[in-house]
Amino acid sequence: MARPPSPTFAEYVPVVAAAVTAGTRRAYGSYWNRVVKHWGTRRLDEPTPSEVEQLAEYVKTHVVARRNARGGRSAAEHLIAALRCLYKRAVADGFIAASDNPALKVAKPRRLPSTRRAVADARLAEINEVAGSTGDDPALDTLLLRLHTETACRRGGALALRPADLDPEQCLILLREKGDSMRWQPVSPTLMRYLQRHAEERGATETGPLLRYRNGQPLTYRRYDHLWVRIGEHLPWVYVQQISTHWLRHTTLTWVERNFGYAIARAYAGHSEGGGDAGTTATYVRATLQEIAAALSALTNEPHPLS
């Protein structure tokens, strides 16, 4: 059976973007735009694996320089992942054969270990102090930090939270996160009261986003960006280390693992018990800088500022 003519990248990228989840669009959208910029008029069946490698190298060398950049490796990895997503759809739609997928014939750069670790208690207190005493909405910012610290949820899980997802009687909230995963997460009675009060005071509808600005508009990812920029202006170490909301997830899961074991930490993180998630929790519960500094102090018999 003859295959239909392959569309151009400019024609097909919008089709795929409309079919995937919002999270996938957010992750791959900028890379698909680059593909369209470079290959917009080319058909899907034209690029070779060598050309995919060349484009990945171009993206790697032209990545926007940031202080936490790692030589563009992440950009190259995401470019290849974005193309694999695109071509997976093209195979499903019958435009190319699976054996002709050029993105699968190119290896992703090896991912380097994350620099994120748990934040020390004293440092976490500093973060909360700044969030609660600066900015245009300290109540919102402190609620955000408490929600992430208590539940170790991702930003997407917090933004997707609705009043309908609260179970005040059992102090549970329903978190809906990446990969369409859903789980009931225990929270403290205090956090439950704060969430209920916030929803009531800011006019959140039962099935609409719970977290809102003072004007009633739903929160977006930009609030997190502004929050950490502001905290970094007051706490230089936050700016230097590029601390973000995801560091709170590392902090909570590390504490849970140290005190209640790996199995509890895995469940707390929302990682599945089988498949590829089985060892994912380990990336969140690595030794902290404070623990490493304590070992150094014991080795050298000299006190260290972090130990």
Protein backbone atom coordinates (compact mmCIF):
# COMPACT_ATOMS: atom_id res chain seq x y z
CA MET A 1 0.00 0.00 0.00
CA ALA A 2 1.44 3.34 -1.08
CA ARG A 3 2.18 5.84 1.66
CA PRO A 4 0.68 9.34 1.49
CA PRO A 5 3.11 12.11 0.54
CA SER A 6 5.08 13.33 3.55
CA PRO A 7 4.13 16.84 4.70
CA THR A 8 6.73 19.51 5.31
CA PHE A 9 7.89 20.28 8.83
CA ALA A 10 6.09 23.62 8.67
CA GLU A 11 2.86 21.77 7.86
CA TYR A 12 3.27 18.90 10.33
CA VAL A 13 4.63 20.53 13.49
CA PRO A 14 1.33 22.37 14.22
CA VAL A 15 -0.55 19.08 13.78
CA VAL A 16 1.64 17.32 16.33
CA ALA A 17 1.62 20.30 18.71
CA ALA A 18 -2.18 20.25 18.72
CA ALA A 19 -2.26 16.52 19.47
CA VAL A 20 0.13 16.35 22.45
CA THR A 21 -0.37 17.42 26.03
CA ALA A 22 0.31 20.93 27.28
CA GLY A 23 3.36 19.64 29.13
CA THR A 24 4.83 18.12 25.98
CA ARG A 25 4.21 21.34 24.05
CA ARG A 26 5.95 23.29 26.79
CA ALA A 27 8.94 20.94 26.75
CA TYR A 28 9.36 20.62 22.99
CA GLY A 29 7.69 23.72 21.54
CA SER A 30 10.80 25.87 21.29
CA TYR A 31 12.73 23.00 19.68
CA TRP A 32 9.99 22.35 17.14
CA ASN A 33 10.15 26.05 16.29
CA ARG A 34 13.87 25.66 15.59
CA VAL A 35 13.20 22.65 13.38
CA VAL A 36 10.66 24.66 11.40
CA LYS A 37 13.11 27.55 11.15
CA HIS A 38 15.82 25.30 9.67
CA TRP A 39 13.77 22.68 7.83
CA GLY A 40 10.34 24.27 7.42
CA THR A 41 10.03 23.68 3.67
CA ARG A 42 11.56 20.18 3.75
CA ARG A 43 9.45 17.01 3.85
CA LEU A 44 9.62 14.70 6.86
CA ASP A 45 11.24 11.92 4.84
CA GLU A 46 14.16 14.06 3.64
CA PRO A 47 16.54 14.62 6.61
CA THR A 48 19.15 11.94 7.27
CA PRO A 49 20.55 10.88 10.67
CA SER A 50 23.69 12.88 9.86
CA GLU A 51 21.58 15.99 9.32
CA VAL A 52 19.80 15.39 12.63
CA GLU A 53 23.22 15.24 14.30
CA GLN A 54 24.26 18.45 12.54
CA LEU A 55 21.12 20.26 13.71
CA ALA A 56 21.62 19.00 17.27
CA GLU A 57 25.21 20.26 17.20
CA TYR A 58 24.04 23.63 15.87
CA VAL A 59 21.49 23.95 18.67
CA LYS A 60 24.14 22.91 21.20
CA THR A 61 26.61 25.57 20.08
CA HIS A 62 24.00 28.33 19.73
CA VAL A 63 22.20 27.80 23.03
CA VAL A 64 21.54 30.90 25.11
CA ALA A 65 24.38 31.13 27.63
CA ARG A 66 23.21 30.88 31.24
CA ARG A 67 25.22 30.58 34.43
CA ASN A 68 23.99 27.02 34.96
CA ALA A 69 24.55 26.00 31.33
CA ARG A 70 26.39 22.74 30.73
CA GLY A 71 27.81 23.24 27.29
CA GLY A 72 24.49 22.95 25.47
CA ARG A 73 24.16 19.21 26.17
CA SER A 74 20.62 19.60 27.44
CA ALA A 75 19.57 21.59 24.38
CA ALA A 76 20.93 18.91 22.04
CA GLU A 77 19.21 16.19 24.07
CA HIS A 78 15.88 18.00 23.97
CA LEU A 79 16.19 18.68 20.24
CA ILE A 80 16.61 14.98 19.53
CA ALA A 81 13.76 14.10 21.92
CA ALA A 82 11.52 16.64 20.19
CA LEU A 83 12.31 15.13 16.80
CA ARG A 84 11.67 11.62 18.10
CA CYS A 85 8.26 12.73 19.32
CA LEU A 86 7.54 14.31 15.96
CA TYR A 87 8.64 11.26 13.97
CA LYS A 88 6.79 8.86 16.27
CA ARG A 89 3.60 10.64 15.23
CA ALA A 90 4.65 10.56 11.59
CA VAL A 91 5.11 6.79 11.78
CA ALA A 92 1.68 6.42 13.42
CA ASP A 93 0.14 8.59 10.71
CA GLY A 94 1.74 6.46 8.00
CA PHE A 95 3.99 9.12 6.50
CA ILE A 96 7.23 7.17 7.07
CA ALA A 97 8.18 3.63 8.09
CA ALA A 98 9.46 3.05 11.61
CA SER A 99 12.76 1.81 10.17
CA ASP A 100 13.21 5.14 8.37
CA ASN A 101 12.94 7.28 11.52
CA PRO A 102 16.22 9.30 11.43
CA ALA A 103 15.87 10.62 15.01
CA LEU A 104 16.00 7.10 16.45
CA LYS A 105 19.31 6.50 14.69
CA VAL A 106 20.98 9.38 16.57
CA ALA A 107 22.10 8.86 20.17
CA LYS A 108 21.17 11.46 22.74
CA PRO A 109 24.06 13.09 24.64
CA ARG A 110 24.64 11.34 27.96
CA ARG A 111 22.75 13.21 30.65
CA LEU A 112 24.99 14.63 33.37
CA PRO A 113 24.03 14.20 37.03
CA SER A 114 21.76 16.94 38.35
CA THR A 115 23.32 19.62 40.53
CA ARG A 116 20.14 19.86 42.62
CA ARG A 117 20.29 18.68 46.21
CA ALA A 118 18.34 19.07 49.42
CA VAL A 119 18.39 22.54 50.98
CA ALA A 120 19.55 22.73 54.60
CA ASP A 121 16.95 23.60 57.24
CA ALA A 122 18.50 26.98 58.06
CA ARG A 123 18.68 27.90 54.38
CA LEU A 124 15.08 26.84 53.83
CA ALA A 125 14.06 29.09 56.69
CA GLU A 126 15.85 32.00 54.98
CA ILE A 127 13.96 31.33 51.76
CA ASN A 128 10.62 31.32 53.56
CA GLU A 129 11.51 34.49 55.45
CA VAL A 130 12.27 36.39 52.24
CA ALA A 131 9.16 35.05 50.47
CA GLY A 132 6.98 36.12 53.40
CA SER A 133 8.42 39.60 53.80
CA THR A 134 8.92 40.83 50.21
CA GLY A 135 6.99 41.01 46.96
CA ASP A 136 3.45 42.05 46.10
CA ASP A 137 1.72 38.92 47.48
CA PRO A 138 3.60 37.31 50.39
CA ALA A 139 0.56 35.22 51.36
CA LEU A 140 0.54 33.55 47.95
CA ASP A 141 4.28 32.97 47.89
CA THR A 142 4.45 31.44 51.37
CA LEU A 143 1.49 29.20 50.50
CA LEU A 144 3.32 28.04 47.36
CA LEU A 145 6.48 27.22 49.30
CA ARG A 146 4.57 25.37 52.00
CA LEU A 147 2.59 23.37 49.43
CA HIS A 148 5.75 22.24 47.64
CA THR A 149 7.68 21.59 50.84
CA GLU A 150 4.91 19.49 52.40
CA THR A 151 3.95 17.48 49.34
CA ALA A 152 7.12 17.47 47.19
CA CYS A 153 4.78 18.11 44.24
CA ARG A 154 5.94 19.48 40.92
CA ARG A 155 4.92 22.91 39.69
CA GLY A 156 2.46 21.36 37.25
CA GLY A 157 0.78 19.50 40.08
CA ALA A 158 0.35 22.69 42.07
CA LEU A 159 -1.02 24.66 39.13
CA ALA A 160 -3.47 21.88 38.27
CA LEU A 161 -4.86 21.71 41.82
CA ARG A 162 -8.59 22.54 42.09
CA PRO A 163 -10.90 23.06 45.08
CA ALA A 164 -12.61 19.83 43.99
CA ASP A 165 -9.30 18.05 44.63
CA LEU A 166 -9.36 18.80 48.36
CA ASP A 167 -10.56 16.20 50.88
CA PRO A 168 -10.64 18.20 54.15
CA GLU A 169 -12.04 15.32 56.21
CA GLN A 170 -9.02 13.10 55.53
CA CYS A 171 -6.55 15.97 54.83
CA LEU A 172 -5.77 14.71 51.33
CA ILE A 173 -5.24 16.53 48.04
CA LEU A 174 -5.39 15.00 44.57
CA LEU A 175 -2.23 15.75 42.61
CA ARG A 176 -2.34 15.47 38.83
CA GLU A 177 1.16 15.63 37.40
CA LYS A 178 3.23 14.68 34.36
CA GLY A 179 2.35 11.62 32.35
CA ASP A 180 -1.30 12.01 33.38
CA SER A 181 -0.41 10.52 36.77
CA MET A 182 -2.78 11.07 39.68
CA ARG A 183 -2.31 10.41 43.38
CA TRP A 184 -3.85 11.35 46.71
CA GLN A 185 -1.26 13.09 48.87
CA PRO A 186 -1.64 13.68 52.64
CA VAL A 187 -1.23 17.28 53.82
CA SER A 188 -1.28 18.85 57.27
CA PRO A 189 -4.53 20.27 58.66
CA THR A 190 -2.86 23.69 58.62
CA LEU A 191 -2.04 23.53 54.91
CA MET A 192 -5.55 22.28 54.17
CA ARG A 193 -7.03 25.31 55.96
CA TYR A 194 -4.72 27.66 54.05
CA LEU A 195 -5.70 26.11 50.71
CA GLN A 196 -9.42 26.33 51.50
CA ARG A 197 -9.14 29.93 52.67
CA HIS A 198 -7.10 30.89 49.61
CA ALA A 199 -9.66 29.34 47.26
CA GLU A 200 -12.54 31.08 49.04
CA GLU A 201 -10.92 34.50 49.26
CA ARG A 202 -9.75 34.53 45.65
CA GLY A 203 -12.89 33.23 44.02
CA ALA A 204 -11.71 29.86 42.80
CA THR A 205 -14.50 27.81 41.27
CA GLU A 206 -14.89 24.17 42.30
CA THR A 207 -13.39 22.79 39.10
CA GLY A 208 -11.10 25.71 38.22
CA PRO A 209 -7.49 26.30 39.28
CA LEU A 210 -7.21 26.80 43.02
CA LEU A 211 -4.07 28.95 43.14
CA ARG A 212 -4.83 32.48 42.03
CA TYR A 213 -3.50 36.02 42.03
CA ARG A 214 -5.22 38.68 44.09
CA ASN A 215 -7.27 39.74 41.05
CA GLY A 216 -8.67 36.22 40.77
CA GLN A 217 -6.66 35.19 37.71
CA PRO A 218 -5.19 31.67 37.82
CA LEU A 219 -1.51 31.33 38.63
CA THR A 220 0.99 30.58 35.85
CA TYR A 221 4.58 29.35 35.76
CA ARG A 222 5.73 32.95 35.59
CA ARG A 223 4.92 33.40 39.28
CA TYR A 224 7.54 30.82 40.16
CA ASP A 225 10.12 32.51 37.93
CA HIS A 226 9.51 35.91 39.51
CA LEU A 227 9.51 34.41 43.01
CA TRP A 228 12.96 32.85 42.70
CA VAL A 229 14.44 35.88 40.98
CA ARG A 230 13.26 38.00 43.92
CA ILE A 231 14.54 35.55 46.51
CA GLY A 232 17.88 35.45 44.69
CA GLU A 233 18.13 39.23 44.90
CA HIS A 234 17.92 38.99 48.70
CA LEU A 235 19.86 35.75 49.14
CA PRO A 236 22.95 35.65 46.90
CA TRP A 237 23.49 31.91 47.43
CA VAL A 238 20.05 31.24 45.90
CA TYR A 239 21.11 33.17 42.80
CA VAL A 240 24.56 31.57 42.62
CA GLN A 241 23.28 27.98 42.94
CA GLN A 242 20.19 28.62 40.79
CA ILE A 243 17.85 27.33 43.49
CA SER A 244 14.33 26.67 42.17
CA THR A 245 11.08 25.06 43.25
CA HIS A 246 12.36 21.62 42.23
CA TRP A 247 15.03 21.88 44.93
CA LEU A 248 12.19 21.77 47.48
CA ARG A 249 11.16 18.40 46.05
CA HIS A 250 14.72 17.16 46.58
CA THR A 251 14.69 18.59 50.12
CA THR A 252 11.48 16.90 51.19
CA LEU A 253 12.20 13.55 49.58
CA THR A 254 15.69 13.45 51.10
CA TRP A 255 14.25 14.08 54.57
CA VAL A 256 11.59 11.42 54.09
CA GLU A 257 14.15 8.88 52.85
CA ARG A 258 16.51 9.52 55.76
CA ASN A 259 13.76 9.19 58.34
CA PHE A 260 11.28 6.70 56.84
CA GLY A 261 13.18 4.77 54.18
CA TYR A 262 13.39 4.51 50.41
CA ALA A 263 10.00 2.87 49.86
CA ILE A 264 8.17 5.69 51.64
CA ALA A 265 10.20 8.32 49.77
CA ARG A 266 9.32 6.67 46.45
CA ALA A 267 5.61 6.73 47.27
CA TYR A 268 5.90 10.30 48.58
CA ALA A 269 7.42 11.31 45.24
CA GLY A 270 4.62 9.67 43.28
CA HIS A 271 7.02 7.32 41.51
CA SER A 272 5.53 4.04 40.35
CA GLU A 273 6.66 0.82 42.02
CA GLY A 274 7.65 -0.85 38.77
CA GLY A 275 9.02 0.00 35.36
CA GLY A 276 11.33 2.92 34.70
CA ASP A 277 10.45 4.81 37.89
CA ALA A 278 11.83 2.14 40.20
CA GLY A 279 15.19 3.87 40.63
CA THR A 280 14.16 7.44 39.88
CA THR A 281 13.78 8.33 43.54
CA ALA A 282 17.52 7.80 44.02
CA THR A 283 18.19 10.99 42.05
CA TYR A 284 16.33 12.94 44.73
CA VAL A 285 17.90 11.45 47.85
CA ARG A 286 21.62 11.81 47.17
CA ALA A 287 24.01 12.90 49.91
CA THR A 288 23.62 16.58 50.74
CA LEU A 289 26.45 19.10 50.80
CA GLN A 290 25.98 19.31 54.57
CA GLU A 291 26.50 15.55 54.90
CA ILE A 292 29.57 15.69 52.68
CA ALA A 293 30.94 18.63 54.69
CA ALA A 294 30.38 16.70 57.93
CA ALA A 295 32.40 13.81 56.51
CA LEU A 296 35.18 16.23 55.54
CA SER A 297 35.22 17.72 59.03
CA ALA A 298 35.52 14.26 60.55
CA LEU A 299 38.33 13.43 58.15
CA THR A 300 40.36 16.61 58.71
CA ASN A 301 39.34 17.41 62.29
CA GLU A 302 38.55 20.94 61.09
CA PRO A 303 35.08 22.50 61.33
CA HIS A 304 33.40 23.39 58.05
CA PRO A 305 30.77 26.17 57.66
CA LEU A 306 28.24 23.67 56.24
CA SER A 307 28.78 20.85 58.74
